[in-house]
Amino acid sequence: MSKGGFVNNSRYRRESRSKSVKERTEFRATLTNAQQLKRLDERLGANVGAKSERARLTAEVVAVAEASTNKVSKNRKSPRASQEVTDDGVA
C-alpha cells in the first residue's frame, strides 16, 4: 500500500515540472524590465541577490530610456525647417 496516496511516478513529475516552467516563462515574458526588477526586490529584498540579473535588467532599462530620448530628439525639426518657403524663395 502506498503512503498517503503518493505515487512515485517520475514521468508525471517531469511533465508537471515542465508545465510549471513553461507557465512561469510565459508570465515573465509579459513583464517589462522595470517590472522584473521590482519583482526581484519583492522576492529577495532591495538589491539582495541576483546581481548579474539585476545588472542586465538595469542596463536594458537604461538603454531603452536612452533610445527613446534619442528618438525624440531626432524627430524634432529645426525652426527654420518649419517655415514655409514662398514662390520667390523667401520665408
PDB file of N, CA and C in Angstrom:
ATOM      1  N   MET A   1       0.836  -1.172   0.000  1.00  0.00           N
ATOM      2  CA  MET A   1       0.000   0.000   0.000  1.00  0.00           C
ATOM      3  C   MET A   1       0.886   1.242   0.000  1.00  0.00           C
ATOM      4  N   SER A   2       0.491   2.272  -0.745  1.00  0.00           N
ATOM      5  CA  SER A   2       1.298   3.485  -0.830  1.00  0.00           C
ATOM      6  C   SER A   2       1.075   4.374   0.378  1.00  0.00           C
ATOM      7  N   LYS A   3       2.046   5.240   0.629  1.00  0.00           N
ATOM      8  CA  LYS A   3       1.967   6.153   1.766  1.00  0.00           C
ATOM      9  C   LYS A   3       1.192   7.404   1.377  1.00  0.00           C
ATOM     10  N   GLY A   4       0.017   7.583   1.933  1.00  0.00           N
ATOM     11  CA  GLY A   4      -0.757   8.798   1.705  1.00  0.00           C
ATOM     12  C   GLY A   4      -1.205   8.989   0.273  1.00  0.00           C
ATOM     13  N   GLY A   5      -1.262   7.958  -0.517  1.00  0.00           N
ATOM     14  CA  GLY A   5      -1.716   8.065  -1.889  1.00  0.00           C
ATOM     15  C   GLY A   5      -0.667   8.617  -2.846  1.00  0.00           C
ATOM     16  N   PHE A   6       0.561   8.827  -2.376  1.00  0.00           N
ATOM     17  CA  PHE A   6       1.618   9.362  -3.238  1.00  0.00           C
ATOM     18  C   PHE A   6       2.171   8.258  -4.109  1.00  0.00           C
ATOM     19  N   VAL A   7       2.232   8.517  -5.381  1.00  0.00           N
ATOM     20  CA  VAL A   7       2.781   7.563  -6.322  1.00  0.00           C
ATOM     21  C   VAL A   7       4.081   8.131  -6.855  1.00  0.00           C
ATOM     22  N   ASN A   8       5.127   7.352  -6.770  1.00  0.00           N
ATOM     23  CA  ASN A   8       6.433   7.799  -7.236  1.00  0.00           C
ATOM     24  C   ASN A   8       6.506   7.589  -8.744  1.00  0.00           C
ATOM     25  N   ASN A   9       5.989   8.533  -9.489  1.00  0.00           N
ATOM     26  CA  ASN A   9       5.929   8.426 -10.931  1.00  0.00           C
ATOM     27  C   ASN A   9       6.778   9.534 -11.534  1.00  0.00           C
ATOM     28  N   SER A  10       7.972   9.204 -11.949  1.00  0.00           N
ATOM     29  CA  SER A  10       8.907  10.219 -12.431  1.00  0.00           C
ATOM     30  C   SER A  10       8.413  10.900 -13.706  1.00  0.00           C
ATOM     31  N   ARG A  11       7.709  10.185 -14.561  1.00  0.00           N
ATOM     32  CA  ARG A  11       7.205  10.788 -15.787  1.00  0.00           C
ATOM     33  C   ARG A  11       6.183  11.880 -15.461  1.00  0.00           C
ATOM     34  N   TYR A  12       5.291  11.603 -14.511  1.00  0.00           N
ATOM     35  CA  TYR A  12       4.288  12.590 -14.105  1.00  0.00           C
ATOM     36  C   TYR A  12       4.964  13.826 -13.508  1.00  0.00           C
ATOM     37  N   ARG A  13       5.950  13.615 -12.625  1.00  0.00           N
ATOM     38  CA  ARG A  13       6.661  14.740 -12.012  1.00  0.00           C
ATOM     39  C   ARG A  13       7.379  15.572 -13.063  1.00  0.00           C
ATOM     40  N   ARG A  14       8.025  14.910 -14.004  1.00  0.00           N
ATOM     41  CA  ARG A  14       8.758  15.604 -15.060  1.00  0.00           C
ATOM     42  C   ARG A  14       7.804  16.455 -15.905  1.00  0.00           C
ATOM     43  N   GLU A  15       6.658  15.894 -16.291  1.00  0.00           N
ATOM     44  CA  GLU A  15       5.679  16.631 -17.083  1.00  0.00           C
ATOM     45  C   GLU A  15       5.107  17.804 -16.294  1.00  0.00           C
ATOM     46  N   SER A  16       4.860  17.572 -15.009  1.00  0.00           N
ATOM     47  CA  SER A  16       4.325  18.622 -14.158  1.00  0.00           C
ATOM     48  C   SER A  16       5.319  19.773 -14.018  1.00  0.00           C
ATOM     49  N   ARG A  17       6.570  19.452 -13.796  1.00  0.00           N
ATOM     50  CA  ARG A  17       7.598  20.490 -13.670  1.00  0.00           C
ATOM     51  C   ARG A  17       7.799  21.222 -14.994  1.00  0.00           C
ATOM     52  N   SER A  18       7.762  20.496 -16.089  1.00  0.00           N
ATOM     53  CA  SER A  18       7.913  21.115 -17.400  1.00  0.00           C
ATOM     54  C   SER A  18       6.782  22.103 -17.665  1.00  0.00           C
ATOM     55  N   LYS A  19       5.564  21.725 -17.315  1.00  0.00           N
ATOM     56  CA  LYS A  19       4.414  22.601 -17.491  1.00  0.00           C
ATOM     57  C   LYS A  19       4.558  23.848 -16.619  1.00  0.00           C
ATOM     58  N   SER A  20       5.011  23.657 -15.393  1.00  0.00           N
ATOM     59  CA  SER A  20       5.198  24.772 -14.467  1.00  0.00           C
ATOM     60  C   SER A  20       6.262  25.750 -14.983  1.00  0.00           C
ATOM     61  N   VAL A  21       7.339  25.219 -15.510  1.00  0.00           N
ATOM     62  CA  VAL A  21       8.406  26.062 -16.064  1.00  0.00           C
ATOM     63  C   VAL A  21       7.880  26.870 -17.242  1.00  0.00           C
ATOM     64  N   LYS A  22       7.120  26.235 -18.098  1.00  0.00           N
ATOM     65  CA  LYS A  22       6.570  26.914 -19.265  1.00  0.00           C
ATOM     66  C   LYS A  22       5.645  28.058 -18.847  1.00  0.00           C
ATOM     67  N   GLU A  23       4.799  27.823 -17.846  1.00  0.00           N
ATOM     68  CA  GLU A  23       3.885  28.864 -17.365  1.00  0.00           C
ATOM     69  C   GLU A  23       4.648  30.052 -16.773  1.00  0.00           C
ATOM     70  N   ARG A  24       5.677  29.760 -15.963  1.00  0.00           N
ATOM     71  CA  ARG A  24       6.470  30.844 -15.365  1.00  0.00           C
ATOM     72  C   ARG A  24       7.214  31.634 -16.429  1.00  0.00           C
ATOM     73  N   THR A  25       7.743  30.940 -17.430  1.00  0.00           N
ATOM     74  CA  THR A  25       8.476  31.606 -18.511  1.00  0.00           C
ATOM     75  C   THR A  25       7.553  32.517 -19.306  1.00  0.00           C
ATOM     76  N   GLU A  26       6.366  32.048 -19.611  1.00  0.00           N
ATOM     77  CA  GLU A  26       5.404  32.865 -20.354  1.00  0.00           C
ATOM     78  C   GLU A  26       4.983  34.090 -19.546  1.00  0.00           C
ATOM     79  N   PHE A  27       4.771  33.920 -18.232  1.00  0.00           N
ATOM     80  CA  PHE A  27       4.403  35.051 -17.384  1.00  0.00           C
ATOM     81  C   PHE A  27       5.523  36.074 -17.335  1.00  0.00           C
ATOM     82  N   ARG A  28       6.755  35.618 -17.181  1.00  0.00           N
ATOM     83  CA  ARG A  28       7.893  36.531 -17.071  1.00  0.00           C
ATOM     84  C   ARG A  28       8.097  37.300 -18.374  1.00  0.00           C
ATOM     85  N   ALA A  29       7.793  36.688 -19.487  1.00  0.00           N
ATOM     86  CA  ALA A  29       7.946  37.347 -20.781  1.00  0.00           C
ATOM     87  C   ALA A  29       6.983  38.517 -20.931  1.00  0.00           C
ATOM     88  N   THR A  30       5.884  38.504 -20.178  1.00  0.00           N
ATOM     89  CA  THR A  30       4.917  39.600 -20.271  1.00  0.00           C
ATOM     90  C   THR A  30       5.341  40.811 -19.450  1.00  0.00           C
ATOM     91  N   LEU A  31       6.331  40.643 -18.562  1.00  0.00           N
ATOM     92  CA  LEU A  31       6.765  41.740 -17.698  1.00  0.00           C
ATOM     93  C   LEU A  31       7.815  42.597 -18.392  1.00  0.00           C
ATOM     94  N   THR A  32       7.792  43.894 -18.104  1.00  0.00           N
ATOM     95  CA  THR A  32       8.850  44.775 -18.595  1.00  0.00           C
ATOM     96  C   THR A  32      10.088  44.577 -17.729  1.00  0.00           C
ATOM     97  N   ASN A  33      11.212  45.127 -18.167  1.00  0.00           N
ATOM     98  CA  ASN A  33      12.440  45.008 -17.393  1.00  0.00           C
ATOM     99  C   ASN A  33      12.292  45.662 -16.024  1.00  0.00           C
ATOM    100  N   ALA A  34      11.634  46.816 -15.969  1.00  0.00           N
ATOM    101  CA  ALA A  34      11.426  47.503 -14.695  1.00  0.00           C
ATOM    102  C   ALA A  34      10.538  46.671 -13.766  1.00  0.00           C
ATOM    103  N   GLN A  35       9.521  46.023 -14.327  1.00  0.00           N
ATOM    104  CA  GLN A  35       8.648  45.173 -13.520  1.00  0.00           C
ATOM    105  C   GLN A  35       9.410  43.958 -12.993  1.00  0.00           C
ATOM    106  N   GLN A  36      10.325  43.425 -13.810  1.00  0.00           N
ATOM    107  CA  GLN A  36      11.117  42.289 -13.368  1.00  0.00           C
ATOM    108  C   GLN A  36      12.037  42.690 -12.221  1.00  0.00           C
ATOM    109  N   LEU A  37      12.617  43.898 -12.303  1.00  0.00           N
ATOM    110  CA  LEU A  37      13.451  44.389 -11.200  1.00  0.00           C
ATOM    111  C   LEU A  37      12.626  44.550  -9.923  1.00  0.00           C
ATOM    112  N   LYS A  38      11.430  45.102 -10.066  1.00  0.00           N
ATOM    113  CA  LYS A  38      10.550  45.278  -8.909  1.00  0.00           C
ATOM    114  C   LYS A  38      10.202  43.922  -8.298  1.00  0.00           C
ATOM    115  N   ARG A  39       9.947  42.948  -9.125  1.00  0.00           N
ATOM    116  CA  ARG A  39       9.602  41.608  -8.645  1.00  0.00           C
ATOM    117  C   ARG A  39      10.775  40.969  -7.903  1.00  0.00           C
ATOM    118  N   LEU A  40      11.993  41.193  -8.402  1.00  0.00           N
ATOM    119  CA  LEU A  40      13.169  40.687  -7.691  1.00  0.00           C
ATOM    120  C   LEU A  40      13.276  41.324  -6.308  1.00  0.00           C
ATOM    121  N   ASP A  41      13.031  42.634  -6.237  1.00  0.00           N
ATOM    122  CA  ASP A  41      13.074  43.332  -4.953  1.00  0.00           C
ATOM    123  C   ASP A  41      12.029  42.772  -3.993  1.00  0.00           C
ATOM    124  N   GLU A  42      10.844  42.479  -4.494  1.00  0.00           N
ATOM    125  CA  GLU A  42       9.784  41.937  -3.644  1.00  0.00           C
ATOM    126  C   GLU A  42      10.126  40.540  -3.144  1.00  0.00           C
ATOM    127  N   ARG A  43      10.719  39.735  -3.992  1.00  0.00           N
ATOM    128  CA  ARG A  43      11.004  38.349  -3.622  1.00  0.00           C
ATOM    129  C   ARG A  43      12.246  38.203  -2.755  1.00  0.00           C
ATOM    130  N   LEU A  44      13.313  38.960  -3.096  1.00  0.00           N
ATOM    131  CA  LEU A  44      14.593  38.769  -2.427  1.00  0.00           C
ATOM    132  C   LEU A  44      14.958  39.892  -1.471  1.00  0.00           C
ATOM    133  N   GLY A  45      14.356  41.048  -1.664  1.00  0.00           N
ATOM    134  CA  GLY A  45      14.731  42.226  -0.896  1.00  0.00           C
ATOM    135  C   GLY A  45      15.450  43.199  -1.809  1.00  0.00           C
ATOM    136  N   ALA A  46      15.452  44.467  -1.417  1.00  0.00           N
ATOM    137  CA  ALA A  46      16.052  45.509  -2.261  1.00  0.00           C
ATOM    138  C   ALA A  46      17.548  45.264  -2.433  1.00  0.00           C
ATOM    139  N   ASN A  47      17.964  45.114  -3.672  1.00  0.00           N
ATOM    140  CA  ASN A  47      19.373  44.927  -4.043  1.00  0.00           C
ATOM    141  C   ASN A  47      20.034  43.744  -3.336  1.00  0.00           C
ATOM    142  N   VAL A  48      19.279  42.694  -3.070  1.00  0.00           N
ATOM    143  CA  VAL A  48      19.818  41.491  -2.434  1.00  0.00           C
ATOM    144  C   VAL A  48      19.749  40.359  -3.448  1.00  0.00           C
ATOM    145  N   GLY A  49      20.884  39.740  -3.729  1.00  0.00           N
ATOM    146  CA  GLY A  49      20.930  38.587  -4.616  1.00  0.00           C
ATOM    147  C   GLY A  49      20.697  38.930  -6.080  1.00  0.00           C
ATOM    148  N   ALA A  50      20.885  37.953  -6.927  1.00  0.00           N
ATOM    149  CA  ALA A  50      20.666  38.062  -8.379  1.00  0.00           C
ATOM    150  C   ALA A  50      21.386  39.269  -8.972  1.00  0.00           C
ATOM    151  N   LYS A  51      22.655  39.434  -8.606  1.00  0.00           N
ATOM    152  CA  LYS A  51      23.403  40.616  -9.037  1.00  0.00           C
ATOM    153  C   LYS A  51      23.540  40.702 -10.553  1.00  0.00           C
ATOM    154  N   SER A  52      23.864  39.605 -11.187  1.00  0.00           N
ATOM    155  CA  SER A  52      24.053  39.651 -12.638  1.00  0.00           C
ATOM    156  C   SER A  52      22.731  39.905 -13.357  1.00  0.00           C
ATOM    157  N   GLU A  53      21.639  39.323 -12.859  1.00  0.00           N
ATOM    158  CA  GLU A  53      20.328  39.545 -13.460  1.00  0.00           C
ATOM    159  C   GLU A  53      19.902  41.002 -13.286  1.00  0.00           C
ATOM    160  N   ARG A  54      20.140  41.548 -12.099  1.00  0.00           N
ATOM    161  CA  ARG A  54      19.820  42.962 -11.851  1.00  0.00           C
ATOM    162  C   ARG A  54      20.637  43.871 -12.764  1.00  0.00           C
ATOM    163  N   ALA A  55      21.915  43.554 -12.930  1.00  0.00           N
ATOM    164  CA  ALA A  55      22.781  44.366 -13.787  1.00  0.00           C
ATOM    165  C   ALA A  55      22.292  44.329 -15.237  1.00  0.00           C
ATOM    166  N   ARG A  56      21.901  43.149 -15.708  1.00  0.00           N
ATOM    167  CA  ARG A  56      21.414  43.006 -17.083  1.00  0.00           C
ATOM    168  C   ARG A  56      20.126  43.792 -17.275  1.00  0.00           C
ATOM    169  N   LEU A  57      19.189  43.642 -16.341  1.00  0.00           N
ATOM    170  CA  LEU A  57      17.908  44.340 -16.455  1.00  0.00           C
ATOM    171  C   LEU A  57      18.089  45.855 -16.364  1.00  0.00           C
ATOM    172  N   THR A  58      18.948  46.308 -15.455  1.00  0.00           N
ATOM    173  CA  THR A  58      19.198  47.743 -15.311  1.00  0.00           C
ATOM    174  C   THR A  58      19.811  48.307 -16.587  1.00  0.00           C
ATOM    175  N   ALA A  59      20.765  47.578 -17.174  1.00  0.00           N
ATOM    176  CA  ALA A  59      21.390  48.032 -18.418  1.00  0.00           C
ATOM    177  C   ALA A  59      20.356  48.145 -19.535  1.00  0.00           C
ATOM    178  N   GLU A  60      19.433  47.205 -19.604  1.00  0.00           N
ATOM    179  CA  GLU A  60      18.399  47.239 -20.643  1.00  0.00           C
ATOM    180  C   GLU A  60      17.422  48.390 -20.409  1.00  0.00           C
ATOM    181  N   VAL A  61      17.084  48.667 -19.144  1.00  0.00           N
ATOM    182  CA  VAL A  61      16.190  49.786 -18.831  1.00  0.00           C
ATOM    183  C   VAL A  61      16.851  51.097 -19.260  1.00  0.00           C
ATOM    184  N   VAL A  62      18.141  51.241 -18.954  1.00  0.00           N
ATOM    185  CA  VAL A  62      18.871  52.456 -19.317  1.00  0.00           C
ATOM    186  C   VAL A  62      18.973  52.582 -20.836  1.00  0.00           C
ATOM    187  N   ALA A  63      19.252  51.486 -21.513  1.00  0.00           N
ATOM    188  CA  ALA A  63      19.372  51.512 -22.972  1.00  0.00           C
ATOM    189  C   ALA A  63      18.055  51.924 -23.625  1.00  0.00           C
ATOM    190  N   VAL A  64      16.958  51.412 -23.121  1.00  0.00           N
ATOM    191  CA  VAL A  64      15.642  51.767 -23.671  1.00  0.00           C
ATOM    192  C   VAL A  64      15.350  53.240 -23.417  1.00  0.00           C
ATOM    193  N   ALA A  65      15.694  53.719 -22.227  1.00  0.00           N
ATOM    194  CA  ALA A  65      15.465  55.125 -21.903  1.00  0.00           C
ATOM    195  C   ALA A  65      16.302  56.032 -22.798  1.00  0.00           C
ATOM    196  N   GLU A  66      17.557  55.666 -23.018  1.00  0.00           N
ATOM    197  CA  GLU A  66      18.418  56.466 -23.896  1.00  0.00           C
ATOM    198  C   GLU A  66      17.920  56.432 -25.335  1.00  0.00           C
ATOM    199  N   ALA A  67      17.487  55.278 -25.775  1.00  0.00           N
ATOM    200  CA  ALA A  67      16.988  55.152 -27.148  1.00  0.00           C
ATOM    201  C   ALA A  67      15.751  56.011 -27.347  1.00  0.00           C
ATOM    202  N   SER A  68      14.851  56.018 -26.370  1.00  0.00           N
ATOM    203  CA  SER A  68      13.645  56.832 -26.517  1.00  0.00           C
ATOM    204  C   SER A  68      13.985  58.312 -26.459  1.00  0.00           C
ATOM    205  N   THR A  69      14.982  58.695 -25.666  1.00  0.00           N
ATOM    206  CA  THR A  69      15.416  60.090 -25.611  1.00  0.00           C
ATOM    207  C   THR A  69      16.025  60.506 -26.940  1.00  0.00           C
ATOM    208  N   ASN A  70      16.865  59.661 -27.506  1.00  0.00           N
ATOM    209  CA  ASN A  70      17.483  59.962 -28.803  1.00  0.00           C
ATOM    210  C   ASN A  70      16.443  59.999 -29.908  1.00  0.00           C
ATOM    211  N   LYS A  71      15.465  59.151 -29.840  1.00  0.00           N
ATOM    212  CA  LYS A  71      14.422  59.103 -30.860  1.00  0.00           C
ATOM    213  C   LYS A  71      13.617  60.398 -30.852  1.00  0.00           C
ATOM    214  N   VAL A  72      13.307  60.906 -29.673  1.00  0.00           N
ATOM    215  CA  VAL A  72      12.554  62.152 -29.556  1.00  0.00           C
ATOM    216  C   VAL A  72      13.368  63.303 -30.119  1.00  0.00           C
ATOM    217  N   SER A  73      14.649  63.368 -29.791  1.00  0.00           N
ATOM    218  CA  SER A  73      15.467  64.484 -30.262  1.00  0.00           C
ATOM    219  C   SER A  73      15.687  64.418 -31.775  1.00  0.00           C
ATOM    220  N   LYS A  74      15.727  63.233 -32.366  1.00  0.00           N
ATOM    221  CA  LYS A  74      15.893  63.110 -33.810  1.00  0.00           C
ATOM    222  C   LYS A  74      14.629  63.531 -34.552  1.00  0.00           C
ATOM    223  N   ASN A  75      13.468  63.368 -33.925  1.00  0.00           N
ATOM    224  CA  ASN A  75      12.206  63.708 -34.573  1.00  0.00           C
ATOM    225  C   ASN A  75      11.917  65.201 -34.537  1.00  0.00           C
ATOM    226  N   ARG A  76      12.610  65.937 -33.711  1.00  0.00           N
ATOM    227  CA  ARG A  76      12.383  67.372 -33.636  1.00  0.00           C
ATOM    228  C   ARG A  76      12.927  68.045 -34.887  1.00  0.00           C
ATOM    229  N   LYS A  77      12.183  69.000 -35.380  1.00  0.00           N
ATOM    230  CA  LYS A  77      12.621  69.737 -36.558  1.00  0.00           C
ATOM    231  C   LYS A  77      13.137  71.093 -36.123  1.00  0.00           C
ATOM    232  N   SER A  78      14.051  71.612 -36.889  1.00  0.00           N
ATOM    233  CA  SER A  78      14.584  72.931 -36.560  1.00  0.00           C
ATOM    234  C   SER A  78      13.529  73.989 -36.889  1.00  0.00           C
ATOM    235  N   PRO A  79      13.595  75.150 -36.237  1.00  0.00           N
ATOM    236  CA  PRO A  79      12.618  76.204 -36.516  1.00  0.00           C
ATOM    237  C   PRO A  79      12.642  76.646 -37.974  1.00  0.00           C
ATOM    238  N   ARG A  80      13.796  76.593 -38.594  1.00  0.00           N
ATOM    239  CA  ARG A  80      13.898  77.011 -39.996  1.00  0.00           C
ATOM    240  C   ARG A  80      13.168  76.033 -40.916  1.00  0.00           C
ATOM    241  N   ALA A  81      13.193  74.772 -40.571  1.00  0.00           N
ATOM    242  CA  ALA A  81      12.544  73.762 -41.406  1.00  0.00           C
ATOM    243  C   ALA A  81      11.032  73.909 -41.359  1.00  0.00           C
ATOM    244  N   SER A  82      10.512  74.475 -40.282  1.00  0.00           N
ATOM    245  CA  SER A  82       9.067  74.603 -40.162  1.00  0.00           C
ATOM    246  C   SER A  82       8.525  75.829 -40.886  1.00  0.00           C
ATOM    247  N   GLN A  83       9.409  76.752 -41.281  1.00  0.00           N
ATOM    248  CA  GLN A  83       8.952  77.947 -42.007  1.00  0.00           C
ATOM    249  C   GLN A  83       8.623  77.574 -43.444  1.00  0.00           C
ATOM    250  N   GLU A  84       7.582  78.177 -43.945  1.00  0.00           N
ATOM    251  CA  GLU A  84       7.185  77.890 -45.329  1.00  0.00           C
ATOM    252  C   GLU A  84       7.984  78.763 -46.282  1.00  0.00           C
ATOM    253  N   VAL A  85       8.330  78.201 -47.400  1.00  0.00           N
ATOM    254  CA  VAL A  85       9.064  78.943 -48.410  1.00  0.00           C
ATOM    255  C   VAL A  85       8.079  79.386 -49.477  1.00  0.00           C
ATOM    256  N   THR A  86       8.120  80.679 -49.827  1.00  0.00           N
ATOM    257  CA  THR A  86       7.222  81.216 -50.846  1.00  0.00           C
ATOM    258  C   THR A  86       7.796  80.972 -52.229  1.00  0.00           C
ATOM    259  N   ASP A  87       7.059  81.391 -53.254  1.00  0.00           N
ATOM    260  CA  ASP A  87       7.474  81.186 -54.634  1.00  0.00           C
ATOM    261  C   ASP A  87       8.800  81.882 -54.952  1.00  0.00           C
ATOM    262  N   ASP A  88       9.056  83.027 -54.318  1.00  0.00           N
ATOM    263  CA  ASP A  88      10.285  83.748 -54.626  1.00  0.00           C
ATOM    264  C   ASP A  88      11.464  83.267 -53.790  1.00  0.00           C
ATOM    265  N   GLY A  89      11.270  82.182 -52.995  1.00  0.00           N
ATOM    266  CA  GLY A  89      12.355  81.582 -52.238  1.00  0.00           C
ATOM    267  C   GLY A  89      12.604  82.243 -50.913  1.00  0.00           C
ATOM    268  N   VAL A  90      11.751  83.178 -50.472  1.00  0.00           N
ATOM    269  CA  VAL A  90      11.942  83.864 -49.207  1.00  0.00           C
ATOM    270  C   VAL A  90      10.906  83.326 -48.219  1.00  0.00           C
ATOM    271  N   ALA A  91      11.346  83.140 -46.999  1.00  0.00           N
ATOM    272  CA  ALA A  91      10.424  82.621 -45.992  1.00  0.00           C
ATOM    273  C   ALA A  91       9.458  83.664 -45.518  1.00  0.00           C
TER     274      ALA A  91
END
